[in-house]
Amino acid sequence: MSLSKLAAKSTFIALLALGLNACSGHDPVPESECGKVVSHAQKVLGAMAPSAGELMGQCKSASDSERGCVLAATKKGQLAQCL
């Protein structure tokens, strides 16, 4: 794995650790919508996005509110506040 890809994954995981800060106002999204959530997260993160499998695992373990926050995010910084 290249150093830049490792750094991107590490950055994303660190951002996920920030916790739920600004996501309480979003509509909840059920686990059954994880495919949509993962696609959106990959679009927002671009080259920094972890693998779809990793994102799917994170989505399934997230709360409905956290998934809703991810779908509402349009920038990496907003996405970082979701999980």
PDB file of N, CA and C in Angstrom:
ATOM      1  N   MET A   1       0.855  -1.173   0.000  1.00  0.00           N
ATOM      2  CA  MET A   1       0.000   0.000   0.000  1.00  0.00           C
ATOM      3  C   MET A   1       0.898   1.232   0.000  1.00  0.00           C
ATOM      4  N   SER A   2       0.567   2.185  -0.856  1.00  0.00           N
ATOM      5  CA  SER A   2       1.393   3.379  -0.958  1.00  0.00           C
ATOM      6  C   SER A   2       1.247   4.236   0.302  1.00  0.00           C
ATOM      7  N   LEU A   3       2.252   5.042   0.519  1.00  0.00           N
ATOM      8  CA  LEU A   3       2.263   5.905   1.701  1.00  0.00           C
ATOM      9  C   LEU A   3       1.091   6.886   1.680  1.00  0.00           C
ATOM     10  N   SER A   4       0.768   7.426   0.504  1.00  0.00           N
ATOM     11  CA  SER A   4      -0.339   8.392   0.437  1.00  0.00           C
ATOM     12  C   SER A   4      -1.679   7.724   0.717  1.00  0.00           C
ATOM     13  N   LYS A   5      -1.855   6.486   0.256  1.00  0.00           N
ATOM     14  CA  LYS A   5      -3.105   5.775   0.521  1.00  0.00           C
ATOM     15  C   LYS A   5      -3.213   5.431   2.007  1.00  0.00           C
ATOM     16  N   LEU A   6      -2.103   5.044   2.612  1.00  0.00           N
ATOM     17  CA  LEU A   6      -2.088   4.748   4.040  1.00  0.00           C
ATOM     18  C   LEU A   6      -2.394   6.007   4.844  1.00  0.00           C
ATOM     19  N   ALA A   7      -1.820   7.117   4.438  1.00  0.00           N
ATOM     20  CA  ALA A   7      -2.068   8.388   5.126  1.00  0.00           C
ATOM     21  C   ALA A   7      -3.537   8.785   4.989  1.00  0.00           C
ATOM     22  N   ALA A   8      -4.104   8.569   3.806  1.00  0.00           N
ATOM     23  CA  ALA A   8      -5.513   8.909   3.589  1.00  0.00           C
ATOM     24  C   ALA A   8      -6.414   8.055   4.476  1.00  0.00           C
ATOM     25  N   LYS A   9      -6.129   6.765   4.553  1.00  0.00           N
ATOM     26  CA  LYS A   9      -6.939   5.894   5.406  1.00  0.00           C
ATOM     27  C   LYS A   9      -6.797   6.290   6.866  1.00  0.00           C
ATOM     28  N   SER A  10      -5.586   6.577   7.286  1.00  0.00           N
ATOM     29  CA  SER A  10      -5.351   6.978   8.675  1.00  0.00           C
ATOM     30  C   SER A  10      -6.084   8.267   8.989  1.00  0.00           C
ATOM     31  N   THR A  11      -6.057   9.197   8.051  1.00  0.00           N
ATOM     32  CA  THR A  11      -6.751  10.469   8.243  1.00  0.00           C
ATOM     33  C   THR A  11      -8.252  10.249   8.369  1.00  0.00           C
ATOM     34  N   PHE A  12      -8.811   9.407   7.494  1.00  0.00           N
ATOM     35  CA  PHE A  12     -10.242   9.151   7.542  1.00  0.00           C
ATOM     36  C   PHE A  12     -10.629   8.493   8.853  1.00  0.00           C
ATOM     37  N   ILE A  13      -9.866   7.527   9.292  1.00  0.00           N
ATOM     38  CA  ILE A  13     -10.172   6.840  10.547  1.00  0.00           C
ATOM     39  C   ILE A  13     -10.078   7.815  11.719  1.00  0.00           C
ATOM     40  N   ALA A  14      -9.096   8.687  11.684  1.00  0.00           N
ATOM     41  CA  ALA A  14      -8.970   9.686  12.747  1.00  0.00           C
ATOM     42  C   ALA A  14     -10.169  10.628  12.740  1.00  0.00           C
ATOM     43  N   LEU A  15     -10.623  10.991  11.554  1.00  0.00           N
ATOM     44  CA  LEU A  15     -11.793  11.864  11.456  1.00  0.00           C
ATOM     45  C   LEU A  15     -13.042  11.176  11.992  1.00  0.00           C
ATOM     46  N   LEU A  16     -13.136   9.888  11.762  1.00  0.00           N
ATOM     47  CA  LEU A  16     -14.285   9.145  12.282  1.00  0.00           C
ATOM     48  C   LEU A  16     -14.302   9.136  13.806  1.00  0.00           C
ATOM     49  N   ALA A  17     -13.128   9.191  14.385  1.00  0.00           N
ATOM     50  CA  ALA A  17     -13.023   9.145  15.839  1.00  0.00           C
ATOM     51  C   ALA A  17     -13.467  10.447  16.513  1.00  0.00           C
ATOM     52  N   LEU A  18     -13.700  11.476  15.757  1.00  0.00           N
ATOM     53  CA  LEU A  18     -14.109  12.758  16.344  1.00  0.00           C
ATOM     54  C   LEU A  18     -15.455  12.680  17.047  1.00  0.00           C
ATOM     55  N   GLY A  19     -16.287  11.772  16.609  1.00  0.00           N
ATOM     56  CA  GLY A  19     -17.581  11.599  17.260  1.00  0.00           C
ATOM     57  C   GLY A  19     -18.677  12.412  16.613  1.00  0.00           C
ATOM     58  N   LEU A  20     -19.850  12.201  17.105  1.00  0.00           N
ATOM     59  CA  LEU A  20     -21.037  12.850  16.570  1.00  0.00           C
ATOM     60  C   LEU A  20     -21.174  14.243  17.181  1.00  0.00           C
ATOM     61  N   ASN A  21     -20.893  15.267  16.363  1.00  0.00           N
ATOM     62  CA  ASN A  21     -20.960  16.626  16.867  1.00  0.00           C
ATOM     63  C   ASN A  21     -22.115  17.421  16.268  1.00  0.00           C
ATOM     64  N   ALA A  22     -22.185  17.427  14.956  1.00  0.00           N
ATOM     65  CA  ALA A  22     -23.133  18.313  14.299  1.00  0.00           C
ATOM     66  C   ALA A  22     -24.175  17.553  13.491  1.00  0.00           C
ATOM     67  N   CYS A  23     -24.493  16.355  13.915  1.00  0.00           N
ATOM     68  CA  CYS A  23     -25.347  15.516  13.081  1.00  0.00           C
ATOM     69  C   CYS A  23     -26.742  15.295  13.622  1.00  0.00           C
ATOM     70  N   SER A  24     -27.082  15.852  14.719  1.00  0.00           N
ATOM     71  CA  SER A  24     -28.363  15.549  15.325  1.00  0.00           C
ATOM     72  C   SER A  24     -29.549  16.098  14.540  1.00  0.00           C
ATOM     73  N   GLY A  25     -29.340  17.035  13.631  1.00  0.00           N
ATOM     74  CA  GLY A  25     -30.439  17.632  12.906  1.00  0.00           C
ATOM     75  C   GLY A  25     -30.782  16.942  11.595  1.00  0.00           C
ATOM     76  N   HIS A  26     -30.157  15.819  11.292  1.00  0.00           N
ATOM     77  CA  HIS A  26     -30.379  15.144  10.020  1.00  0.00           C
ATOM     78  C   HIS A  26     -31.385  14.011  10.162  1.00  0.00           C
ATOM     79  N   ASP A  27     -32.084  13.747   9.072  1.00  0.00           N
ATOM     80  CA  ASP A  27     -33.023  12.632   9.062  1.00  0.00           C
ATOM     81  C   ASP A  27     -32.260  11.326   9.227  1.00  0.00           C
ATOM     82  N   PRO A  28     -32.757  10.419  10.055  1.00  0.00           N
ATOM     83  CA  PRO A  28     -32.085   9.133  10.237  1.00  0.00           C
ATOM     84  C   PRO A  28     -32.168   8.294   8.959  1.00  0.00           C
ATOM     85  N   VAL A  29     -31.129   7.512   8.721  1.00  0.00           N
ATOM     86  CA  VAL A  29     -31.061   6.645   7.543  1.00  0.00           C
ATOM     87  C   VAL A  29     -30.833   5.218   8.035  1.00  0.00           C
ATOM     88  N   PRO A  30     -31.700   4.274   7.636  1.00  0.00           N
ATOM     89  CA  PRO A  30     -31.560   2.901   8.108  1.00  0.00           C
ATOM     90  C   PRO A  30     -30.352   2.188   7.497  1.00  0.00           C
ATOM     91  N   GLU A  31     -29.927   1.122   8.156  1.00  0.00           N
ATOM     92  CA  GLU A  31     -28.783   0.335   7.688  1.00  0.00           C
ATOM     93  C   GLU A  31     -28.993  -0.188   6.272  1.00  0.00           C
ATOM     94  N   SER A  32     -30.220  -0.426   5.904  1.00  0.00           N
ATOM     95  CA  SER A  32     -30.517  -0.936   4.561  1.00  0.00           C
ATOM     96  C   SER A  32     -30.098   0.033   3.452  1.00  0.00           C
ATOM     97  N   GLU A  33     -29.836   1.290   3.790  1.00  0.00           N
ATOM     98  CA  GLU A  33     -29.414   2.304   2.826  1.00  0.00           C
ATOM     99  C   GLU A  33     -27.898   2.476   2.785  1.00  0.00           C
ATOM    100  N   CYS A  34     -27.145   1.544   3.377  1.00  0.00           N
ATOM    101  CA  CYS A  34     -25.681   1.695   3.435  1.00  0.00           C
ATOM    102  C   CYS A  34     -25.039   1.798   2.058  1.00  0.00           C
ATOM    103  N   GLY A  35     -25.586   1.151   1.049  1.00  0.00           N
ATOM    104  CA  GLY A  35     -25.029   1.270  -0.300  1.00  0.00           C
ATOM    105  C   GLY A  35     -25.030   2.714  -0.771  1.00  0.00           C
ATOM    106  N   LYS A  36     -26.117   3.393  -0.522  1.00  0.00           N
ATOM    107  CA  LYS A  36     -26.251   4.806  -0.891  1.00  0.00           C
ATOM    108  C   LYS A  36     -25.300   5.673  -0.063  1.00  0.00           C
ATOM    109  N   VAL A  37     -25.201   5.365   1.220  1.00  0.00           N
ATOM    110  CA  VAL A  37     -24.323   6.119   2.124  1.00  0.00           C
ATOM    111  C   VAL A  37     -22.861   5.964   1.697  1.00  0.00           C
ATOM    112  N   VAL A  38     -22.460   4.728   1.397  1.00  0.00           N
ATOM    113  CA  VAL A  38     -21.077   4.460   0.989  1.00  0.00           C
ATOM    114  C   VAL A  38     -20.758   5.185  -0.312  1.00  0.00           C
ATOM    115  N   SER A  39     -21.648   5.122  -1.278  1.00  0.00           N
ATOM    116  CA  SER A  39     -21.424   5.814  -2.558  1.00  0.00           C
ATOM    117  C   SER A  39     -21.250   7.313  -2.344  1.00  0.00           C
ATOM    118  N   HIS A  40     -22.097   7.878  -1.505  1.00  0.00           N
ATOM    119  CA  HIS A  40     -22.003   9.318  -1.241  1.00  0.00           C
ATOM    120  C   HIS A  40     -20.700   9.660  -0.523  1.00  0.00           C
ATOM    121  N   ALA A  41     -20.324   8.858   0.468  1.00  0.00           N
ATOM    122  CA  ALA A  41     -19.080   9.119   1.195  1.00  0.00           C
ATOM    123  C   ALA A  41     -17.881   9.040   0.258  1.00  0.00           C
ATOM    124  N   GLN A  42     -17.875   8.071  -0.653  1.00  0.00           N
ATOM    125  CA  GLN A  42     -16.778   7.954  -1.614  1.00  0.00           C
ATOM    126  C   GLN A  42     -16.723   9.179  -2.516  1.00  0.00           C
ATOM    127  N   LYS A  43     -17.869   9.677  -2.919  1.00  0.00           N
ATOM    128  CA  LYS A  43     -17.918  10.869  -3.772  1.00  0.00           C
ATOM    129  C   LYS A  43     -17.353  12.080  -3.030  1.00  0.00           C
ATOM    130  N   VAL A  44     -17.751  12.257  -1.775  1.00  0.00           N
ATOM    131  CA  VAL A  44     -17.281  13.405  -0.993  1.00  0.00           C
ATOM    132  C   VAL A  44     -15.784  13.284  -0.695  1.00  0.00           C
ATOM    133  N   LEU A  45     -15.320  12.091  -0.347  1.00  0.00           N
ATOM    134  CA  LEU A  45     -13.923  11.900   0.032  1.00  0.00           C
ATOM    135  C   LEU A  45     -12.974  11.821  -1.164  1.00  0.00           C
ATOM    136  N   GLY A  46     -13.493  11.456  -2.311  1.00  0.00           N
ATOM    137  CA  GLY A  46     -12.652  11.362  -3.502  1.00  0.00           C
ATOM    138  C   GLY A  46     -11.503  10.385  -3.295  1.00  0.00           C
ATOM    139  N   ALA A  47     -10.302  10.824  -3.612  1.00  0.00           N
ATOM    140  CA  ALA A  47      -9.117   9.970  -3.522  1.00  0.00           C
ATOM    141  C   ALA A  47      -8.790   9.557  -2.086  1.00  0.00           C
ATOM    142  N   MET A  48      -9.338  10.266  -1.115  1.00  0.00           N
ATOM    143  CA  MET A  48      -9.075   9.930   0.291  1.00  0.00           C
ATOM    144  C   MET A  48      -9.974   8.808   0.810  1.00  0.00           C
ATOM    145  N   ALA A  49     -10.922   8.364   0.009  1.00  0.00           N
ATOM    146  CA  ALA A  49     -11.899   7.365   0.456  1.00  0.00           C
ATOM    147  C   ALA A  49     -11.241   6.000   0.672  1.00  0.00           C
ATOM    148  N   PRO A  50     -11.539   5.372   1.794  1.00  0.00           N
ATOM    149  CA  PRO A  50     -11.102   3.990   2.000  1.00  0.00           C
ATOM    150  C   PRO A  50     -11.861   3.072   1.036  1.00  0.00           C
ATOM    151  N   SER A  51     -11.569   1.801   1.071  1.00  0.00           N
ATOM    152  CA  SER A  51     -12.255   0.852   0.196  1.00  0.00           C
ATOM    153  C   SER A  51     -13.755   0.826   0.503  1.00  0.00           C
ATOM    154  N   ALA A  52     -14.515   0.417  -0.489  1.00  0.00           N
ATOM    155  CA  ALA A  52     -15.964   0.314  -0.313  1.00  0.00           C
ATOM    156  C   ALA A  52     -16.296  -0.674   0.806  1.00  0.00           C
ATOM    157  N   GLY A  53     -15.530  -1.748   0.909  1.00  0.00           N
ATOM    158  CA  GLY A  53     -15.768  -2.733   1.964  1.00  0.00           C
ATOM    159  C   GLY A  53     -15.565  -2.152   3.353  1.00  0.00           C
ATOM    160  N   GLU A  54     -14.519  -1.365   3.502  1.00  0.00           N
ATOM    161  CA  GLU A  54     -14.251  -0.727   4.794  1.00  0.00           C
ATOM    162  C   GLU A  54     -15.348   0.278   5.139  1.00  0.00           C
ATOM    163  N   LEU A  55     -15.743   1.071   4.156  1.00  0.00           N
ATOM    164  CA  LEU A  55     -16.814   2.041   4.391  1.00  0.00           C
ATOM    165  C   LEU A  55     -18.129   1.336   4.717  1.00  0.00           C
ATOM    166  N   MET A  56     -18.394   0.212   4.052  1.00  0.00           N
ATOM    167  CA  MET A  56     -19.622  -0.534   4.315  1.00  0.00           C
ATOM    168  C   MET A  56     -19.642  -1.031   5.758  1.00  0.00           C
ATOM    169  N   GLY A  57     -18.509  -1.538   6.238  1.00  0.00           N
ATOM    170  CA  GLY A  57     -18.430  -1.988   7.626  1.00  0.00           C
ATOM    171  C   GLY A  57     -18.677  -0.851   8.604  1.00  0.00           C
ATOM    172  N   GLN A  58     -18.104   0.313   8.306  1.00  0.00           N
ATOM    173  CA  GLN A  58     -18.303   1.478   9.164  1.00  0.00           C
ATOM    174  C   GLN A  58     -19.761   1.925   9.121  1.00  0.00           C
ATOM    175  N   CYS A  59     -20.361   1.862   7.942  1.00  0.00           N
ATOM    176  CA  CYS A  59     -21.760   2.263   7.798  1.00  0.00           C
ATOM    177  C   CYS A  59     -22.661   1.347   8.619  1.00  0.00           C
ATOM    178  N   LYS A  60     -22.431   0.063   8.531  1.00  0.00           N
ATOM    179  CA  LYS A  60     -23.290  -0.889   9.239  1.00  0.00           C
ATOM    180  C   LYS A  60     -23.170  -0.748  10.755  1.00  0.00           C
ATOM    181  N   SER A  61     -22.022  -0.303  11.225  1.00  0.00           N
ATOM    182  CA  SER A  61     -21.851  -0.142  12.669  1.00  0.00           C
ATOM    183  C   SER A  61     -22.267   1.248  13.163  1.00  0.00           C
ATOM    184  N   ALA A  62     -22.564   2.153  12.232  1.00  0.00           N
ATOM    185  CA  ALA A  62     -22.969   3.516  12.601  1.00  0.00           C
ATOM    186  C   ALA A  62     -24.447   3.540  13.001  1.00  0.00           C
ATOM    187  N   SER A  63     -24.826   4.611  13.663  1.00  0.00           N
ATOM    188  CA  SER A  63     -26.235   4.802  14.026  1.00  0.00           C
ATOM    189  C   SER A  63     -27.005   5.367  12.834  1.00  0.00           C
ATOM    190  N   ASP A  64     -28.315   5.304  12.907  1.00  0.00           N
ATOM    191  CA  ASP A  64     -29.159   5.881  11.848  1.00  0.00           C
ATOM    192  C   ASP A  64     -28.868   7.370  11.685  1.00  0.00           C
ATOM    193  N   SER A  65     -28.660   8.058  12.777  1.00  0.00           N
ATOM    194  CA  SER A  65     -28.378   9.489  12.745  1.00  0.00           C
ATOM    195  C   SER A  65     -27.033   9.769  12.075  1.00  0.00           C
ATOM    196  N   GLU A  66     -26.030   8.961  12.376  1.00  0.00           N
ATOM    197  CA  GLU A  66     -24.715   9.141  11.760  1.00  0.00           C
ATOM    198  C   GLU A  66     -24.783   8.909  10.255  1.00  0.00           C
ATOM    199  N   ARG A  67     -25.535   7.899   9.838  1.00  0.00           N
ATOM    200  CA  ARG A  67     -25.694   7.660   8.394  1.00  0.00           C
ATOM    201  C   ARG A  67     -26.402   8.839   7.730  1.00  0.00           C
ATOM    202  N   GLY A  68     -27.398   9.404   8.385  1.00  0.00           N
ATOM    203  CA  GLY A  68     -28.088  10.577   7.852  1.00  0.00           C
ATOM    204  C   GLY A  68     -27.161  11.767   7.712  1.00  0.00           C
ATOM    205  N   CYS A  69     -26.289  11.915   8.668  1.00  0.00           N
ATOM    206  CA  CYS A  69     -25.305  12.995   8.631  1.00  0.00           C
ATOM    207  C   CYS A  69     -24.380  12.833   7.428  1.00  0.00           C
ATOM    208  N   VAL A  70     -23.932  11.609   7.192  1.00  0.00           N
ATOM    209  CA  VAL A  70     -23.038  11.349   6.053  1.00  0.00           C
ATOM    210  C   VAL A  70     -23.742  11.723   4.749  1.00  0.00           C
ATOM    211  N   LEU A  71     -24.995  11.336   4.598  1.00  0.00           N
ATOM    212  CA  LEU A  71     -25.722  11.663   3.365  1.00  0.00           C
ATOM    213  C   LEU A  71     -25.931  13.164   3.194  1.00  0.00           C
ATOM    214  N   ALA A  72     -26.006  13.892   4.276  1.00  0.00           N
ATOM    215  CA  ALA A  72     -26.208  15.338   4.196  1.00  0.00           C
ATOM    216  C   ALA A  72     -24.902  16.102   3.960  1.00  0.00           C
ATOM    217  N   ALA A  73     -23.764  15.461   4.203  1.00  0.00           N
ATOM    218  CA  ALA A  73     -22.469  16.126   4.077  1.00  0.00           C
ATOM    219  C   ALA A  73     -22.125  16.371   2.610  1.00  0.00           C
ATOM    220  N   THR A  74     -21.597  17.550   2.340  1.00  0.00           N
ATOM    221  CA  THR A  74     -21.164  17.880   0.983  1.00  0.00           C
ATOM    222  C   THR A  74     -19.668  18.170   0.913  1.00  0.00           C
ATOM    223  N   LYS A  75     -19.008  18.242   2.072  1.00  0.00           N
ATOM    224  CA  LYS A  75     -17.572  18.517   2.150  1.00  0.00           C
ATOM    225  C   LYS A  75     -16.918  17.564   3.123  1.00  0.00           C
ATOM    226  N   LYS A  76     -15.641  17.348   2.958  1.00  0.00           N
ATOM    227  CA  LYS A  76     -14.903  16.441   3.842  1.00  0.00           C
ATOM    228  C   LYS A  76     -15.021  16.864   5.306  1.00  0.00           C
ATOM    229  N   GLY A  77     -14.961  18.157   5.571  1.00  0.00           N
ATOM    230  CA  GLY A  77     -15.051  18.648   6.942  1.00  0.00           C
ATOM    231  C   GLY A  77     -16.392  18.335   7.584  1.00  0.00           C
ATOM    232  N   GLN A  78     -17.439  18.416   6.789  1.00  0.00           N
ATOM    233  CA  GLN A  78     -18.774  18.076   7.309  1.00  0.00           C
ATOM    234  C   GLN A  78     -18.859  16.584   7.568  1.00  0.00           C
ATOM    235  N   LEU A  79     -18.287  15.807   6.687  1.00  0.00           N
ATOM    236  CA  LEU A  79     -18.294  14.362   6.836  1.00  0.00           C
ATOM    237  C   LEU A  79     -17.531  13.945   8.091  1.00  0.00           C
ATOM    238  N   ALA A  80     -16.467  14.654   8.393  1.00  0.00           N
ATOM    239  CA  ALA A  80     -15.662  14.353   9.572  1.00  0.00           C
ATOM    240  C   ALA A  80     -16.444  14.524  10.867  1.00  0.00           C
ATOM    241  N   GLN A  81     -17.459  15.357  10.840  1.00  0.00           N
ATOM    242  CA  GLN A  81     -18.249  15.605  12.041  1.00  0.00           C
ATOM    243  C   GLN A  81     -19.335  14.557  12.258  1.00  0.00           C
ATOM    244  N   CYS A  82     -19.529  13.679  11.288  1.00  0.00           N
ATOM    245  CA  CYS A  82     -20.642  12.736  11.352  1.00  0.00           C
ATOM    246  C   CYS A  82     -20.380  11.518  12.206  1.00  0.00           C
ATOM    247  N   LEU A  83     -19.208  10.962  12.138  1.00  0.00           N
ATOM    248  CA  LEU A  83     -18.947   9.680  12.798  1.00  0.00           C
ATOM    249  C   LEU A  83     -17.888   9.807  13.849  1.00  0.00           C
TER     250      LEU A  83
END
